[in-house]
Amino acid sequence: MARPKRIYYENAVYHITGRCNNKQPLLNSNESKIDFLNTVSKYKKRFGFKLYCFAIMDNHIHLIIETNRLFNISKVMQAIMLSFSLKLRRKNEYTGHVWQGRFRSKLIRDEGYILECIEYIHNNPVRAGFVEKAKDYLWSSYGFYNTGVNAELINRIEVDRFGDTSVTTNWE
């Protein structure tokens, strides 16, 4: 049975997840995490999407991306994942699939849900036992929201774009 086609929306916000093949820790070095973030940055400039949040774990990634009307999420993620896969295979003399299936995308429709997703993503390293507090994990966008680290990579989320300005985005 064929997998269902993705439904695309212009200027939509998505929670993206991608898992390494067979749950292998292919992103377990600082170098591979830097390579992945550099790949995201490269394609962010090329496609003009907004990146609101990320966490790079040892065997999977989380991103919150807002697309624009020119490029859909599949084109963006295909470029990021393929480019990173080629780089990782070349550097590590790795053969086989890097990613397990296609990426998952969940449409974010309101400010409450985007804030839940950001909190979930920032706390992923805590739940995995990598750190005791989200602020201690170097490979997420948590630092941007509290100290401005990765300011060139992250876009500050404006929750009023969903119609409610009463929600705060300060995760201190």
N, C-alpha and C. Protein backbone atom coordinates (compact mmCIF):
# COMPACT_ATOMS: atom_id res chain seq x y z
N MET A 1 0.83 -1.17 0.00
CA MET A 1 0.00 0.00 0.00
C MET A 1 0.88 1.24 0.00
N ALA A 2 0.55 2.20 -0.83
CA ALA A 2 1.33 3.43 -0.92
C ALA A 2 1.09 4.31 0.29
N ARG A 3 2.14 5.01 0.69
CA ARG A 3 1.99 5.91 1.83
C ARG A 3 1.18 7.14 1.39
N PRO A 4 0.45 7.74 2.32
CA PRO A 4 -0.37 8.91 1.95
C PRO A 4 0.49 10.12 1.60
N LYS A 5 0.00 10.91 0.67
CA LYS A 5 0.71 12.13 0.30
C LYS A 5 0.60 13.16 1.41
N ARG A 6 1.63 13.95 1.52
CA ARG A 6 1.60 15.04 2.50
C ARG A 6 0.70 16.15 1.97
N ILE A 7 0.04 16.81 2.89
CA ILE A 7 -0.77 17.98 2.55
C ILE A 7 0.07 19.20 2.90
N TYR A 8 0.20 20.12 1.95
CA TYR A 8 1.03 21.29 2.15
C TYR A 8 0.18 22.53 2.35
N TYR A 9 0.65 23.41 3.20
CA TYR A 9 0.00 24.68 3.44
C TYR A 9 1.04 25.78 3.27
N GLU A 10 0.63 26.90 2.71
CA GLU A 10 1.55 28.03 2.59
C GLU A 10 1.77 28.65 3.96
N ASN A 11 3.00 29.05 4.22
CA ASN A 11 3.36 29.72 5.47
C ASN A 11 2.91 28.92 6.70
N ALA A 12 3.07 27.62 6.64
CA ALA A 12 2.65 26.74 7.73
C ALA A 12 3.82 26.48 8.68
N VAL A 13 3.50 26.18 9.93
CA VAL A 13 4.49 25.84 10.94
C VAL A 13 4.37 24.35 11.24
N TYR A 14 5.51 23.64 11.23
CA TYR A 14 5.53 22.20 11.42
C TYR A 14 6.51 21.81 12.52
N HIS A 15 6.13 20.79 13.28
CA HIS A 15 7.07 20.11 14.18
C HIS A 15 7.59 18.92 13.37
N ILE A 16 8.88 18.95 13.08
CA ILE A 16 9.53 17.94 12.25
C ILE A 16 10.36 17.02 13.14
N THR A 17 10.27 15.72 12.90
CA THR A 17 11.16 14.77 13.56
C THR A 17 11.75 13.85 12.51
N GLY A 18 12.99 13.49 12.73
CA GLY A 18 13.67 12.53 11.86
C GLY A 18 14.52 11.63 12.74
N ARG A 19 14.43 10.35 12.49
CA ARG A 19 15.16 9.38 13.31
C ARG A 19 16.24 8.71 12.47
N CYS A 20 17.40 8.52 13.07
CA CYS A 20 18.48 7.79 12.39
C CYS A 20 18.07 6.33 12.19
N ASN A 21 18.54 5.76 11.11
CA ASN A 21 18.18 4.40 10.76
C ASN A 21 18.49 3.43 11.90
N ASN A 22 17.52 2.60 12.20
CA ASN A 22 17.67 1.56 13.22
C ASN A 22 18.04 2.15 14.59
N LYS A 23 17.66 3.41 14.81
CA LYS A 23 17.94 4.15 16.05
C LYS A 23 19.44 4.22 16.38
N GLN A 24 20.26 4.17 15.34
CA GLN A 24 21.71 4.24 15.56
C GLN A 24 22.11 5.65 16.00
N PRO A 25 23.09 5.78 16.85
CA PRO A 25 23.54 7.10 17.31
C PRO A 25 24.49 7.75 16.30
N LEU A 26 23.97 8.10 15.14
CA LEU A 26 24.82 8.68 14.09
C LEU A 26 25.09 10.16 14.31
N LEU A 27 24.39 10.76 15.26
CA LEU A 27 24.58 12.17 15.58
C LEU A 27 25.20 12.33 16.97
N ASN A 28 26.00 11.37 17.39
CA ASN A 28 26.48 11.35 18.77
C ASN A 28 27.77 12.14 19.00
N SER A 29 28.35 12.72 17.98
CA SER A 29 29.56 13.52 18.19
C SER A 29 29.23 15.00 18.01
N ASN A 30 30.03 15.84 18.66
CA ASN A 30 29.86 17.28 18.48
C ASN A 30 30.02 17.65 17.01
N GLU A 31 30.97 17.02 16.35
CA GLU A 31 31.22 17.30 14.94
C GLU A 31 30.01 17.01 14.07
N SER A 32 29.35 15.88 14.30
CA SER A 32 28.17 15.55 13.49
C SER A 32 27.01 16.49 13.80
N LYS A 33 26.87 16.91 15.04
CA LYS A 33 25.81 17.86 15.39
C LYS A 33 26.08 19.22 14.74
N ILE A 34 27.33 19.66 14.75
CA ILE A 34 27.70 20.91 14.08
C ILE A 34 27.44 20.80 12.59
N ASP A 35 27.81 19.68 11.99
CA ASP A 35 27.56 19.47 10.56
C ASP A 35 26.06 19.56 10.25
N PHE A 36 25.24 18.96 11.12
CA PHE A 36 23.80 19.01 10.88
C PHE A 36 23.29 20.45 10.97
N LEU A 37 23.71 21.18 11.99
CA LEU A 37 23.25 22.57 12.14
C LEU A 37 23.76 23.45 10.99
N ASN A 38 24.98 23.20 10.52
CA ASN A 38 25.48 23.94 9.35
C ASN A 38 24.66 23.63 8.11
N THR A 39 24.23 22.39 7.97
CA THR A 39 23.38 22.01 6.84
C THR A 39 22.04 22.72 6.93
N VAL A 40 21.44 22.74 8.11
CA VAL A 40 20.17 23.46 8.30
C VAL A 40 20.35 24.94 7.96
N SER A 41 21.44 25.54 8.44
CA SER A 41 21.70 26.95 8.18
C SER A 41 21.85 27.23 6.68
N LYS A 42 22.56 26.36 6.00
CA LYS A 42 22.75 26.51 4.55
C LYS A 42 21.41 26.52 3.81
N TYR A 43 20.54 25.59 4.16
CA TYR A 43 19.27 25.49 3.45
C TYR A 43 18.25 26.50 3.97
N LYS A 44 18.45 27.00 5.17
CA LYS A 44 17.60 28.09 5.66
C LYS A 44 17.83 29.33 4.79
N LYS A 45 19.08 29.60 4.46
CA LYS A 45 19.40 30.73 3.58
C LYS A 45 18.86 30.49 2.17
N ARG A 46 18.99 29.28 1.68
CA ARG A 46 18.55 28.98 0.32
C ARG A 46 17.03 29.02 0.17
N PHE A 47 16.31 28.44 1.11
CA PHE A 47 14.86 28.32 0.98
C PHE A 47 14.08 29.42 1.71
N GLY A 48 14.72 30.12 2.62
CA GLY A 48 14.05 31.21 3.31
C GLY A 48 13.02 30.79 4.33
N PHE A 49 13.14 29.59 4.90
CA PHE A 49 12.20 29.19 5.94
C PHE A 49 12.64 29.79 7.27
N LYS A 50 11.74 29.73 8.25
CA LYS A 50 12.06 30.19 9.60
C LYS A 50 12.23 28.97 10.49
N LEU A 51 13.26 29.00 11.32
CA LEU A 51 13.52 27.93 12.29
C LEU A 51 13.26 28.50 13.67
N TYR A 52 12.25 27.96 14.35
CA TYR A 52 11.87 28.46 15.67
C TYR A 52 12.48 27.65 16.81
N CYS A 53 12.80 26.41 16.56
CA CYS A 53 13.25 25.56 17.65
C CYS A 53 13.95 24.34 17.07
N PHE A 54 14.93 23.81 17.81
CA PHE A 54 15.56 22.56 17.40
C PHE A 54 16.14 21.85 18.61
N ALA A 55 16.33 20.56 18.48
CA ALA A 55 17.13 19.75 19.40
C ALA A 55 17.75 18.65 18.55
N ILE A 56 19.06 18.51 18.65
CA ILE A 56 19.78 17.48 17.95
C ILE A 56 20.18 16.44 18.99
N MET A 57 19.54 15.30 18.93
CA MET A 57 19.83 14.21 19.85
C MET A 57 20.80 13.25 19.16
N ASP A 58 21.26 12.22 19.87
CA ASP A 58 22.23 11.30 19.28
C ASP A 58 21.64 10.48 18.13
N ASN A 59 20.35 10.16 18.21
CA ASN A 59 19.77 9.31 17.16
C ASN A 59 18.53 9.90 16.51
N HIS A 60 18.22 11.16 16.78
CA HIS A 60 17.09 11.80 16.10
C HIS A 60 17.18 13.32 16.23
N ILE A 61 16.33 13.98 15.44
CA ILE A 61 16.30 15.43 15.43
C ILE A 61 14.87 15.92 15.61
N HIS A 62 14.74 17.10 16.17
CA HIS A 62 13.47 17.82 16.27
C HIS A 62 13.69 19.21 15.71
N LEU A 63 12.78 19.68 14.88
CA LEU A 63 12.83 21.03 14.35
C LEU A 63 11.42 21.60 14.36
N ILE A 64 11.30 22.89 14.57
CA ILE A 64 10.04 23.58 14.30
C ILE A 64 10.36 24.59 13.21
N ILE A 65 9.72 24.39 12.07
CA ILE A 65 10.00 25.17 10.87
C ILE A 65 8.72 25.79 10.35
N GLU A 66 8.84 27.04 9.91
CA GLU A 66 7.75 27.68 9.18
C GLU A 66 8.19 27.82 7.73
N THR A 67 7.42 27.26 6.84
CA THR A 67 7.74 27.33 5.42
C THR A 67 7.22 28.65 4.86
N ASN A 68 7.61 28.92 3.62
CA ASN A 68 7.04 30.07 2.93
C ASN A 68 6.25 29.56 1.73
N ARG A 69 5.71 30.43 0.96
CA ARG A 69 4.85 29.99 -0.14
C ARG A 69 5.62 29.44 -1.33
N LEU A 70 6.92 29.65 -1.37
CA LEU A 70 7.71 29.21 -2.51
C LEU A 70 8.15 27.74 -2.40
N PHE A 71 8.39 27.26 -1.18
CA PHE A 71 8.91 25.91 -1.00
C PHE A 71 8.09 25.17 0.05
N ASN A 72 7.70 23.94 -0.26
CA ASN A 72 6.97 23.16 0.74
C ASN A 72 7.96 22.42 1.64
N ILE A 73 7.44 21.89 2.73
CA ILE A 73 8.28 21.27 3.75
C ILE A 73 9.04 20.06 3.22
N SER A 74 8.47 19.34 2.27
CA SER A 74 9.16 18.16 1.72
C SER A 74 10.43 18.56 0.98
N LYS A 75 10.36 19.62 0.20
CA LYS A 75 11.55 20.08 -0.53
C LYS A 75 12.65 20.53 0.44
N VAL A 76 12.24 21.24 1.46
CA VAL A 76 13.19 21.72 2.46
C VAL A 76 13.86 20.55 3.17
N MET A 77 13.06 19.63 3.69
CA MET A 77 13.62 18.51 4.46
C MET A 77 14.38 17.53 3.57
N GLN A 78 13.94 17.35 2.34
CA GLN A 78 14.69 16.48 1.42
C GLN A 78 16.10 17.03 1.22
N ALA A 79 16.21 18.33 1.03
CA ALA A 79 17.52 18.95 0.83
C ALA A 79 18.39 18.81 2.08
N ILE A 80 17.83 19.10 3.24
CA ILE A 80 18.59 19.04 4.49
C ILE A 80 19.06 17.61 4.76
N MET A 81 18.13 16.67 4.70
CA MET A 81 18.45 15.29 5.08
C MET A 81 19.37 14.61 4.07
N LEU A 82 19.16 14.87 2.79
CA LEU A 82 20.03 14.27 1.78
C LEU A 82 21.44 14.85 1.86
N SER A 83 21.54 16.16 1.98
CA SER A 83 22.85 16.80 2.05
C SER A 83 23.63 16.33 3.28
N PHE A 84 22.96 16.28 4.43
CA PHE A 84 23.63 15.81 5.64
C PHE A 84 24.03 14.34 5.50
N SER A 85 23.17 13.52 4.93
CA SER A 85 23.48 12.09 4.75
C SER A 85 24.73 11.90 3.91
N LEU A 86 24.82 12.63 2.81
CA LEU A 86 25.99 12.51 1.94
C LEU A 86 27.26 12.92 2.68
N LYS A 87 27.18 14.01 3.45
CA LYS A 87 28.33 14.50 4.21
C LYS A 87 28.74 13.48 5.27
N LEU A 88 27.78 12.94 6.00
CA LEU A 88 28.07 11.98 7.07
C LEU A 88 28.68 10.69 6.49
N ARG A 89 28.11 10.22 5.40
CA ARG A 89 28.64 8.98 4.79
C ARG A 89 30.06 9.19 4.28
N ARG A 90 30.30 10.33 3.68
CA ARG A 90 31.63 10.61 3.14
C ARG A 90 32.66 10.72 4.27
N LYS A 91 32.34 11.45 5.32
CA LYS A 91 33.27 11.65 6.43
C LYS A 91 33.57 10.37 7.20
N ASN A 92 32.55 9.56 7.42
CA ASN A 92 32.68 8.39 8.28
C ASN A 92 32.80 7.07 7.52
N GLU A 93 32.89 7.16 6.20
CA GLU A 93 32.92 5.96 5.36
C GLU A 93 31.79 5.02 5.75
N TYR A 94 30.62 5.61 5.92
CA TYR A 94 29.42 4.89 6.32
C TYR A 94 28.64 4.49 5.08
N THR A 95 28.13 3.27 5.06
CA THR A 95 27.27 2.85 3.96
C THR A 95 25.88 2.54 4.50
N GLY A 96 24.91 2.66 3.66
CA GLY A 96 23.54 2.38 4.06
C GLY A 96 22.77 3.65 4.35
N HIS A 97 21.55 3.46 4.79
CA HIS A 97 20.66 4.58 5.07
C HIS A 97 21.07 5.30 6.36
N VAL A 98 21.00 6.60 6.33
CA VAL A 98 21.24 7.39 7.53
C VAL A 98 19.92 7.59 8.27
N TRP A 99 18.85 7.86 7.53
CA TRP A 99 17.56 8.16 8.14
C TRP A 99 16.62 6.98 8.02
N GLN A 100 15.82 6.78 9.04
CA GLN A 100 14.85 5.69 9.08
C GLN A 100 13.55 6.20 8.47
N GLY A 101 13.29 5.84 7.23
CA GLY A 101 12.07 6.28 6.57
C GLY A 101 12.08 7.77 6.33
N ARG A 102 10.91 8.27 6.02
CA ARG A 102 10.82 9.71 5.79
C ARG A 102 10.58 10.44 7.11
N PHE A 103 10.83 11.71 7.08
CA PHE A 103 10.65 12.52 8.28
C PHE A 103 9.16 12.61 8.62
N ARG A 104 8.88 12.89 9.87
CA ARG A 104 7.50 13.11 10.31
C ARG A 104 7.27 14.61 10.43
N SER A 105 6.08 15.01 10.09
CA SER A 105 5.74 16.43 10.23
C SER A 105 4.34 16.55 10.83
N LYS A 106 4.23 17.39 11.82
CA LYS A 106 2.95 17.64 12.48
C LYS A 106 2.66 19.12 12.33
N LEU A 107 1.54 19.44 11.73
CA LEU A 107 1.14 20.83 11.53
C LEU A 107 0.81 21.46 12.88
N ILE A 108 1.35 22.66 13.11
CA ILE A 108 1.08 23.41 14.33
C ILE A 108 0.11 24.53 13.96
N ARG A 109 -1.06 24.53 14.59
CA ARG A 109 -2.12 25.46 14.20
C ARG A 109 -2.39 26.58 15.19
N ASP A 110 -1.85 26.50 16.41
CA ASP A 110 -2.16 27.55 17.37
C ASP A 110 -1.00 27.79 18.33
N GLU A 111 -1.07 28.90 19.04
CA GLU A 111 0.03 29.31 19.91
C GLU A 111 0.23 28.37 21.09
N GLY A 112 -0.84 27.82 21.62
CA GLY A 112 -0.69 26.89 22.74
C GLY A 112 0.10 25.66 22.34
N TYR A 113 -0.19 25.13 21.15
CA TYR A 113 0.48 23.92 20.70
C TYR A 113 1.94 24.18 20.35
N ILE A 114 2.24 25.33 19.75
CA ILE A 114 3.64 25.59 19.42
C ILE A 114 4.47 25.73 20.69
N LEU A 115 3.90 26.35 21.72
CA LEU A 115 4.63 26.48 22.98
C LEU A 115 4.81 25.11 23.65
N GLU A 116 3.81 24.24 23.55
CA GLU A 116 3.96 22.87 24.06
C GLU A 116 5.06 22.13 23.32
N CYS A 117 5.10 22.29 21.99
CA CYS A 117 6.13 21.63 21.19
C CYS A 117 7.52 22.12 21.55
N ILE A 118 7.67 23.43 21.72
CA ILE A 118 8.97 23.98 22.08
C ILE A 118 9.41 23.47 23.44
N GLU A 119 8.50 23.44 24.39
CA GLU A 119 8.83 22.91 25.71
C GLU A 119 9.20 21.43 25.62
N TYR A 120 8.45 20.66 24.85
CA TYR A 120 8.74 19.24 24.67
C TYR A 120 10.13 19.05 24.06
N ILE A 121 10.43 19.80 23.03
CA ILE A 121 11.73 19.67 22.33
C ILE A 121 12.87 20.06 23.25
N HIS A 122 12.74 21.16 23.97
CA HIS A 122 13.81 21.61 24.86
C HIS A 122 14.02 20.65 26.04
N ASN A 123 12.99 19.94 26.43
CA ASN A 123 13.12 18.99 27.54
C ASN A 123 13.46 17.57 27.08
N ASN A 124 13.57 17.35 25.79
CA ASN A 124 13.91 16.03 25.27
C ASN A 124 15.24 15.52 25.81
N PRO A 125 16.30 16.35 25.87
CA PRO A 125 17.58 15.89 26.44
C PRO A 125 17.48 15.54 27.92
N VAL A 126 16.59 16.20 28.64
CA VAL A 126 16.39 15.90 30.07
C VAL A 126 15.74 14.53 30.20
N ARG A 127 14.68 14.29 29.42
CA ARG A 127 13.99 13.00 29.47
C ARG A 127 14.93 11.86 29.04
N ALA A 128 15.86 12.15 28.13
CA ALA A 128 16.80 11.13 27.66
C ALA A 128 17.93 10.89 28.66
N GLY A 129 18.04 11.74 29.69
CA GLY A 129 19.07 11.57 30.70
C GLY A 129 20.42 12.17 30.32
N PHE A 130 20.45 13.02 29.28
CA PHE A 130 21.71 13.64 28.87
C PHE A 130 22.13 14.75 29.83
N VAL A 131 21.15 15.48 30.35
CA VAL A 131 21.39 16.60 31.26
C VAL A 131 20.28 16.62 32.32
N GLU A 132 20.53 17.36 33.38
CA GLU A 132 19.50 17.49 34.42
C GLU A 132 18.54 18.63 34.13
N LYS A 133 19.04 19.67 33.45
CA LYS A 133 18.21 20.83 33.12
C LYS A 133 18.37 21.14 31.64
N ALA A 134 17.28 21.55 31.01
CA ALA A 134 17.29 21.83 29.56
C ALA A 134 18.34 22.87 29.19
N LYS A 135 18.57 23.83 30.07
CA LYS A 135 19.53 24.90 29.77
C LYS A 135 20.96 24.38 29.64
N ASP A 136 21.23 23.18 30.14
CA ASP A 136 22.58 22.62 30.10
C ASP A 136 22.89 21.87 28.81
N TYR A 137 21.88 21.65 27.96
CA TYR A 137 22.11 20.91 26.71
C TYR A 137 22.52 21.87 25.61
N LEU A 138 23.69 21.67 25.05
CA LEU A 138 24.24 22.59 24.06
C LEU A 138 23.60 22.49 22.68
N TRP A 139 22.95 21.36 22.39
CA TRP A 139 22.51 21.09 21.03
C TRP A 139 21.01 21.29 20.85
N SER A 140 20.50 22.36 21.48
CA SER A 140 19.11 22.74 21.28
C SER A 140 19.03 24.26 21.19
N SER A 141 17.87 24.74 20.84
CA SER A 141 17.67 26.19 20.72
C SER A 141 17.35 26.84 22.06
N TYR A 142 17.36 26.08 23.12
CA TYR A 142 17.06 26.63 24.45
C TYR A 142 17.93 27.84 24.76
N GLY A 143 19.21 27.74 24.42
CA GLY A 143 20.14 28.83 24.70
C GLY A 143 19.76 30.12 24.01
N PHE A 144 19.20 30.03 22.82
CA PHE A 144 18.78 31.23 22.11
C PHE A 144 17.71 31.98 22.89
N TYR A 145 16.72 31.25 23.38
CA TYR A 145 15.61 31.89 24.07
C TYR A 145 16.01 32.49 25.42
N ASN A 146 17.13 32.08 25.96
CA ASN A 146 17.55 32.59 27.25
C ASN A 146 18.80 33.46 27.20
N THR A 147 19.67 33.26 26.20
CA THR A 147 20.91 34.03 26.16
C THR A 147 21.22 34.62 24.79
N GLY A 148 20.46 34.25 23.75
CA GLY A 148 20.72 34.76 22.42
C GLY A 148 21.72 33.94 21.62
N VAL A 149 22.16 32.78 22.15
CA VAL A 149 23.07 31.90 21.41
C VAL A 149 22.35 31.40 20.15
N ASN A 150 23.07 31.25 19.05
CA ASN A 150 22.52 30.83 17.76
C ASN A 150 21.54 31.85 17.19
N ALA A 151 21.75 33.12 17.48
CA ALA A 151 20.83 34.16 17.03
C ALA A 151 20.70 34.22 15.51
N GLU A 152 21.75 33.84 14.79
CA GLU A 152 21.68 33.87 13.33
C GLU A 152 20.90 32.69 12.77
N LEU A 153 20.71 31.66 13.56
CA LEU A 153 20.03 30.45 13.10
C LEU A 153 18.55 30.43 13.47
N ILE A 154 18.22 30.96 14.63
CA ILE A 154 16.87 30.86 15.18
C ILE A 154 16.07 32.13 14.93
N ASN A 155 14.81 31.96 14.60
CA ASN A 155 13.88 33.07 14.50
C ASN A 155 13.04 33.08 15.78
N ARG A 156 12.87 34.24 16.37
CA ARG A 156 12.03 34.33 17.57
C ARG A 156 10.58 34.14 17.15
N ILE A 157 9.91 33.25 17.85
CA ILE A 157 8.51 32.98 17.55
C ILE A 157 7.64 34.14 18.03
N GLU A 158 6.75 34.56 17.20
CA GLU A 158 5.78 35.59 17.55
C GLU A 158 4.44 34.90 17.68
N VAL A 159 4.04 34.61 18.90
CA VAL A 159 2.82 33.83 19.07
C VAL A 159 1.58 34.59 18.63
N ASP A 160 1.66 35.92 18.53
CA ASP A 160 0.48 36.65 18.09
C ASP A 160 0.15 36.38 16.62
N ARG A 161 1.07 35.73 15.91
CA ARG A 161 0.75 35.35 14.52
C ARG A 161 -0.39 34.35 14.49
N PHE A 162 -0.65 33.70 15.63
CA PHE A 162 -1.76 32.76 15.73
C PHE A 162 -3.01 33.44 16.29
N GLY A 163 -2.92 34.73 16.64
CA GLY A 163 -4.09 35.47 17.07
C GLY A 163 -4.21 35.70 18.56
N ASP A 164 -3.21 35.36 19.37
CA ASP A 164 -3.31 35.56 20.81
C ASP A 164 -1.98 36.11 21.31
N THR A 165 -2.01 37.33 21.82
CA THR A 165 -0.77 37.95 22.30
C THR A 165 -0.58 37.78 23.80
N SER A 166 -1.48 37.06 24.45
CA SER A 166 -1.37 36.92 25.90
C SER A 166 -0.40 35.83 26.34
N VAL A 167 0.10 35.04 25.41
CA VAL A 167 0.99 33.94 25.74
C VAL A 167 2.43 34.42 25.75
N THR A 168 3.17 34.05 26.75
CA THR A 168 4.58 34.44 26.84
C THR A 168 5.48 33.40 26.22
N THR A 169 6.65 33.81 25.73
CA THR A 169 7.60 32.87 25.15
C THR A 169 8.92 32.88 25.91
N ASN A 170 8.89 33.21 27.17
CA ASN A 170 10.11 33.24 27.98
C ASN A 170 10.20 31.97 28.79
N TRP A 171 11.16 31.10 28.47
CA TRP A 171 11.29 29.80 29.13
C TRP A 171 12.39 29.79 30.18
N GLU A 172 12.60 30.85 30.90
CA GLU A 172 13.68 30.90 31.89
C GLU A 172 13.36 30.08 33.09
